[in-house]
N, C-alpha and C. Protein backbone atom coordinates (compact mmCIF):
# COMPACT_ATOMS: atom_id res chain seq x y z
N MET A 1 -11.02 -14.80 4.74
CA MET A 1 -9.64 -14.42 4.84
C MET A 1 -9.04 -14.20 3.44
N PHE A 2 -9.28 -15.10 2.52
CA PHE A 2 -8.72 -14.97 1.17
C PHE A 2 -9.32 -13.78 0.41
N PRO A 3 -10.64 -13.55 0.44
CA PRO A 3 -11.17 -12.35 -0.25
C PRO A 3 -10.63 -11.05 0.34
N THR A 4 -10.35 -11.03 1.63
CA THR A 4 -9.78 -9.84 2.25
C THR A 4 -8.38 -9.58 1.71
N MET A 5 -7.60 -10.64 1.53
CA MET A 5 -6.25 -10.48 1.00
C MET A 5 -6.29 -10.00 -0.45
N ILE A 6 -7.19 -10.54 -1.25
CA ILE A 6 -7.32 -10.11 -2.64
C ILE A 6 -7.76 -8.65 -2.70
N GLY A 7 -8.69 -8.26 -1.86
CA GLY A 7 -9.13 -6.87 -1.81
C GLY A 7 -8.01 -5.93 -1.39
N THR A 8 -7.17 -6.39 -0.47
CA THR A 8 -6.03 -5.60 -0.03
C THR A 8 -5.08 -5.34 -1.19
N VAL A 9 -4.81 -6.38 -1.99
CA VAL A 9 -3.91 -6.24 -3.14
C VAL A 9 -4.52 -5.31 -4.18
N VAL A 10 -5.80 -5.41 -4.42
CA VAL A 10 -6.46 -4.55 -5.42
C VAL A 10 -6.44 -3.10 -4.98
N ILE A 11 -6.76 -2.84 -3.72
CA ILE A 11 -6.75 -1.46 -3.22
C ILE A 11 -5.34 -0.89 -3.26
N ALA A 12 -4.36 -1.68 -2.87
CA ALA A 12 -2.97 -1.21 -2.90
C ALA A 12 -2.52 -0.92 -4.32
N GLY A 13 -2.89 -1.74 -5.25
CA GLY A 13 -2.54 -1.50 -6.65
C GLY A 13 -3.15 -0.24 -7.19
N ILE A 14 -4.39 0.00 -6.84
CA ILE A 14 -5.07 1.22 -7.29
C ILE A 14 -4.41 2.46 -6.69
N VAL A 15 -4.07 2.39 -5.40
CA VAL A 15 -3.41 3.52 -4.75
C VAL A 15 -2.05 3.79 -5.40
N GLY A 16 -1.29 2.73 -5.70
CA GLY A 16 0.00 2.91 -6.36
C GLY A 16 -0.13 3.54 -7.73
N TYR A 17 -1.10 3.09 -8.50
CA TYR A 17 -1.31 3.63 -9.84
C TYR A 17 -1.75 5.09 -9.78
N VAL A 18 -2.71 5.39 -8.92
CA VAL A 18 -3.23 6.75 -8.83
C VAL A 18 -2.16 7.71 -8.30
N SER A 19 -1.36 7.26 -7.34
CA SER A 19 -0.33 8.14 -6.81
C SER A 19 0.72 8.48 -7.86
N GLU A 20 1.00 7.56 -8.74
CA GLU A 20 1.97 7.82 -9.80
C GLU A 20 1.36 8.72 -10.88
N ARG A 21 0.12 8.50 -11.23
CA ARG A 21 -0.53 9.30 -12.28
C ARG A 21 -0.78 10.74 -11.84
N THR A 22 -1.04 10.96 -10.55
CA THR A 22 -1.32 12.31 -10.07
C THR A 22 -0.05 13.09 -9.77
N GLY A 23 1.11 12.45 -9.78
CA GLY A 23 2.35 13.14 -9.49
C GLY A 23 2.75 13.13 -8.04
N PHE A 24 2.08 12.36 -7.21
CA PHE A 24 2.44 12.25 -5.78
C PHE A 24 3.80 11.59 -5.63
N THR A 25 4.10 10.63 -6.49
CA THR A 25 5.41 9.97 -6.50
C THR A 25 5.97 10.02 -7.91
N HIS A 26 7.26 9.76 -8.01
CA HIS A 26 7.94 9.72 -9.31
C HIS A 26 8.80 8.47 -9.40
N ASN A 27 8.25 7.34 -8.98
CA ASN A 27 8.99 6.09 -8.97
C ASN A 27 8.84 5.32 -10.27
N GLY A 28 7.74 5.44 -10.91
CA GLY A 28 7.34 4.60 -12.02
C GLY A 28 6.10 3.84 -11.57
N ILE A 29 5.26 3.50 -12.50
CA ILE A 29 3.97 2.89 -12.14
C ILE A 29 4.17 1.54 -11.47
N LEU A 30 4.97 0.67 -12.07
CA LEU A 30 5.17 -0.67 -11.50
C LEU A 30 5.84 -0.61 -10.13
N GLN A 31 6.82 0.26 -9.97
CA GLN A 31 7.51 0.37 -8.70
C GLN A 31 6.59 0.87 -7.60
N SER A 32 5.75 1.85 -7.92
CA SER A 32 4.80 2.37 -6.92
C SER A 32 3.79 1.30 -6.52
N ILE A 33 3.33 0.52 -7.49
CA ILE A 33 2.38 -0.54 -7.18
C ILE A 33 3.04 -1.59 -6.29
N ILE A 34 4.28 -1.95 -6.57
CA ILE A 34 4.99 -2.94 -5.74
C ILE A 34 5.20 -2.42 -4.33
N ILE A 35 5.57 -1.15 -4.18
CA ILE A 35 5.75 -0.56 -2.86
C ILE A 35 4.44 -0.59 -2.08
N CYS A 36 3.34 -0.23 -2.73
CA CYS A 36 2.04 -0.21 -2.07
C CYS A 36 1.59 -1.61 -1.66
N ILE A 37 1.79 -2.58 -2.53
CA ILE A 37 1.38 -3.94 -2.20
C ILE A 37 2.20 -4.49 -1.05
N GLY A 38 3.49 -4.17 -1.02
CA GLY A 38 4.32 -4.60 0.10
C GLY A 38 3.86 -4.01 1.42
N GLY A 39 3.57 -2.72 1.43
CA GLY A 39 3.07 -2.09 2.65
C GLY A 39 1.72 -2.62 3.08
N ALA A 40 0.86 -2.89 2.11
CA ALA A 40 -0.47 -3.41 2.44
C ALA A 40 -0.39 -4.84 2.99
N PHE A 41 0.50 -5.66 2.41
CA PHE A 41 0.69 -7.02 2.95
C PHE A 41 1.23 -6.98 4.37
N LEU A 42 2.16 -6.08 4.62
CA LEU A 42 2.70 -5.95 5.97
C LEU A 42 1.60 -5.59 6.96
N ALA A 43 0.78 -4.63 6.63
CA ALA A 43 -0.32 -4.24 7.51
C ALA A 43 -1.35 -5.36 7.65
N TYR A 44 -1.59 -6.09 6.57
CA TYR A 44 -2.55 -7.20 6.62
C TYR A 44 -2.09 -8.28 7.60
N PHE A 45 -0.81 -8.63 7.53
CA PHE A 45 -0.31 -9.68 8.41
C PHE A 45 -0.15 -9.20 9.85
N VAL A 46 0.15 -7.93 10.05
CA VAL A 46 0.17 -7.38 11.42
C VAL A 46 -1.23 -7.42 12.00
N ARG A 47 -2.22 -7.09 11.20
CA ARG A 47 -3.62 -7.15 11.66
C ARG A 47 -4.02 -8.59 11.98
N LEU A 48 -3.58 -9.52 11.16
CA LEU A 48 -3.90 -10.93 11.35
C LEU A 48 -3.24 -11.49 12.60
N MET A 49 -1.98 -11.15 12.83
CA MET A 49 -1.24 -11.72 13.95
C MET A 49 -1.53 -11.01 15.27
N PHE A 50 -1.60 -9.69 15.26
CA PHE A 50 -1.70 -8.94 16.51
C PHE A 50 -3.01 -8.20 16.71
N GLY A 51 -3.81 -8.07 15.69
CA GLY A 51 -5.08 -7.37 15.80
C GLY A 51 -4.95 -5.86 15.82
N ILE A 52 -3.81 -5.34 15.37
CA ILE A 52 -3.58 -3.90 15.36
C ILE A 52 -3.99 -3.35 14.00
N GLY A 53 -4.89 -2.38 13.99
CA GLY A 53 -5.32 -1.79 12.73
C GLY A 53 -6.40 -0.77 12.96
N PHE A 54 -6.99 -0.29 11.88
CA PHE A 54 -8.03 0.72 11.95
C PHE A 54 -9.44 0.14 12.01
N GLY A 55 -9.58 -1.15 11.99
CA GLY A 55 -10.89 -1.77 12.05
C GLY A 55 -11.32 -2.35 10.72
N SER A 56 -11.39 -1.54 9.71
CA SER A 56 -11.81 -1.98 8.39
C SER A 56 -10.59 -2.43 7.57
N PRO A 57 -10.65 -3.60 6.93
CA PRO A 57 -9.52 -4.04 6.11
C PRO A 57 -9.22 -3.09 4.95
N GLY A 58 -10.25 -2.48 4.38
CA GLY A 58 -10.03 -1.53 3.30
C GLY A 58 -9.31 -0.28 3.76
N LEU A 59 -9.66 0.21 4.92
CA LEU A 59 -9.00 1.38 5.48
C LEU A 59 -7.56 1.06 5.85
N ASN A 60 -7.33 -0.14 6.36
CA ASN A 60 -5.96 -0.58 6.64
C ASN A 60 -5.13 -0.62 5.37
N ALA A 61 -5.67 -1.15 4.29
CA ALA A 61 -4.94 -1.23 3.03
C ALA A 61 -4.65 0.16 2.47
N LEU A 62 -5.61 1.04 2.56
CA LEU A 62 -5.43 2.40 2.06
C LEU A 62 -4.35 3.15 2.85
N ALA A 63 -4.45 3.11 4.17
CA ALA A 63 -3.48 3.83 5.01
C ALA A 63 -2.08 3.25 4.90
N SER A 64 -1.97 1.93 4.84
CA SER A 64 -0.64 1.32 4.77
C SER A 64 0.00 1.54 3.41
N SER A 65 -0.79 1.59 2.35
CA SER A 65 -0.25 1.85 1.01
C SER A 65 0.30 3.27 0.92
N ILE A 66 -0.45 4.22 1.41
CA ILE A 66 0.01 5.60 1.39
C ILE A 66 1.22 5.76 2.30
N GLY A 67 1.19 5.11 3.45
CA GLY A 67 2.33 5.16 4.36
C GLY A 67 3.59 4.57 3.77
N ALA A 68 3.45 3.48 3.04
CA ALA A 68 4.62 2.86 2.40
C ALA A 68 5.20 3.78 1.35
N LEU A 69 4.36 4.48 0.61
CA LEU A 69 4.87 5.42 -0.39
C LEU A 69 5.59 6.59 0.24
N ILE A 70 5.14 6.99 1.41
CA ILE A 70 5.77 8.11 2.10
C ILE A 70 7.09 7.68 2.73
N ILE A 71 7.13 6.48 3.30
CA ILE A 71 8.31 6.01 4.02
C ILE A 71 9.47 5.67 3.10
N VAL A 72 9.19 5.06 1.96
CA VAL A 72 10.26 4.63 1.06
C VAL A 72 10.97 5.87 0.50
N PRO A 73 12.26 6.00 0.78
CA PRO A 73 12.98 7.22 0.38
C PRO A 73 13.40 7.20 -1.09
N THR A 74 12.51 7.60 -1.94
CA THR A 74 12.84 7.60 -3.37
C THR A 74 13.22 8.98 -3.86
N HIS A 75 13.12 10.00 -3.04
CA HIS A 75 13.43 11.34 -3.51
C HIS A 75 14.94 11.60 -3.62
N TRP A 76 15.78 10.66 -3.15
CA TRP A 76 17.23 10.82 -3.27
C TRP A 76 17.76 10.23 -4.56
N ARG A 77 16.92 9.50 -5.28
CA ARG A 77 17.35 8.93 -6.55
C ARG A 77 17.49 10.01 -7.61
N LYS A 78 18.36 9.79 -8.53
CA LYS A 78 18.54 10.75 -9.63
C LYS A 78 17.62 10.44 -10.76
């Protein structure tokens, strides 16, 4: 359980960093990483409590990180 959580945080951090470097988001590196980690933790605990997910913890972390970046409305900021 603990290595899965650590892997989730690492994957989410990488997704946040890469999304900022490639221009997918314009939040700032730290902000994108925090958004991704929050989304990945949410998906991790939903998987833990209800068993809802894609099967693989890595795929769950990847999909939830990208989803969190898409959902958070940062394009209205100046």
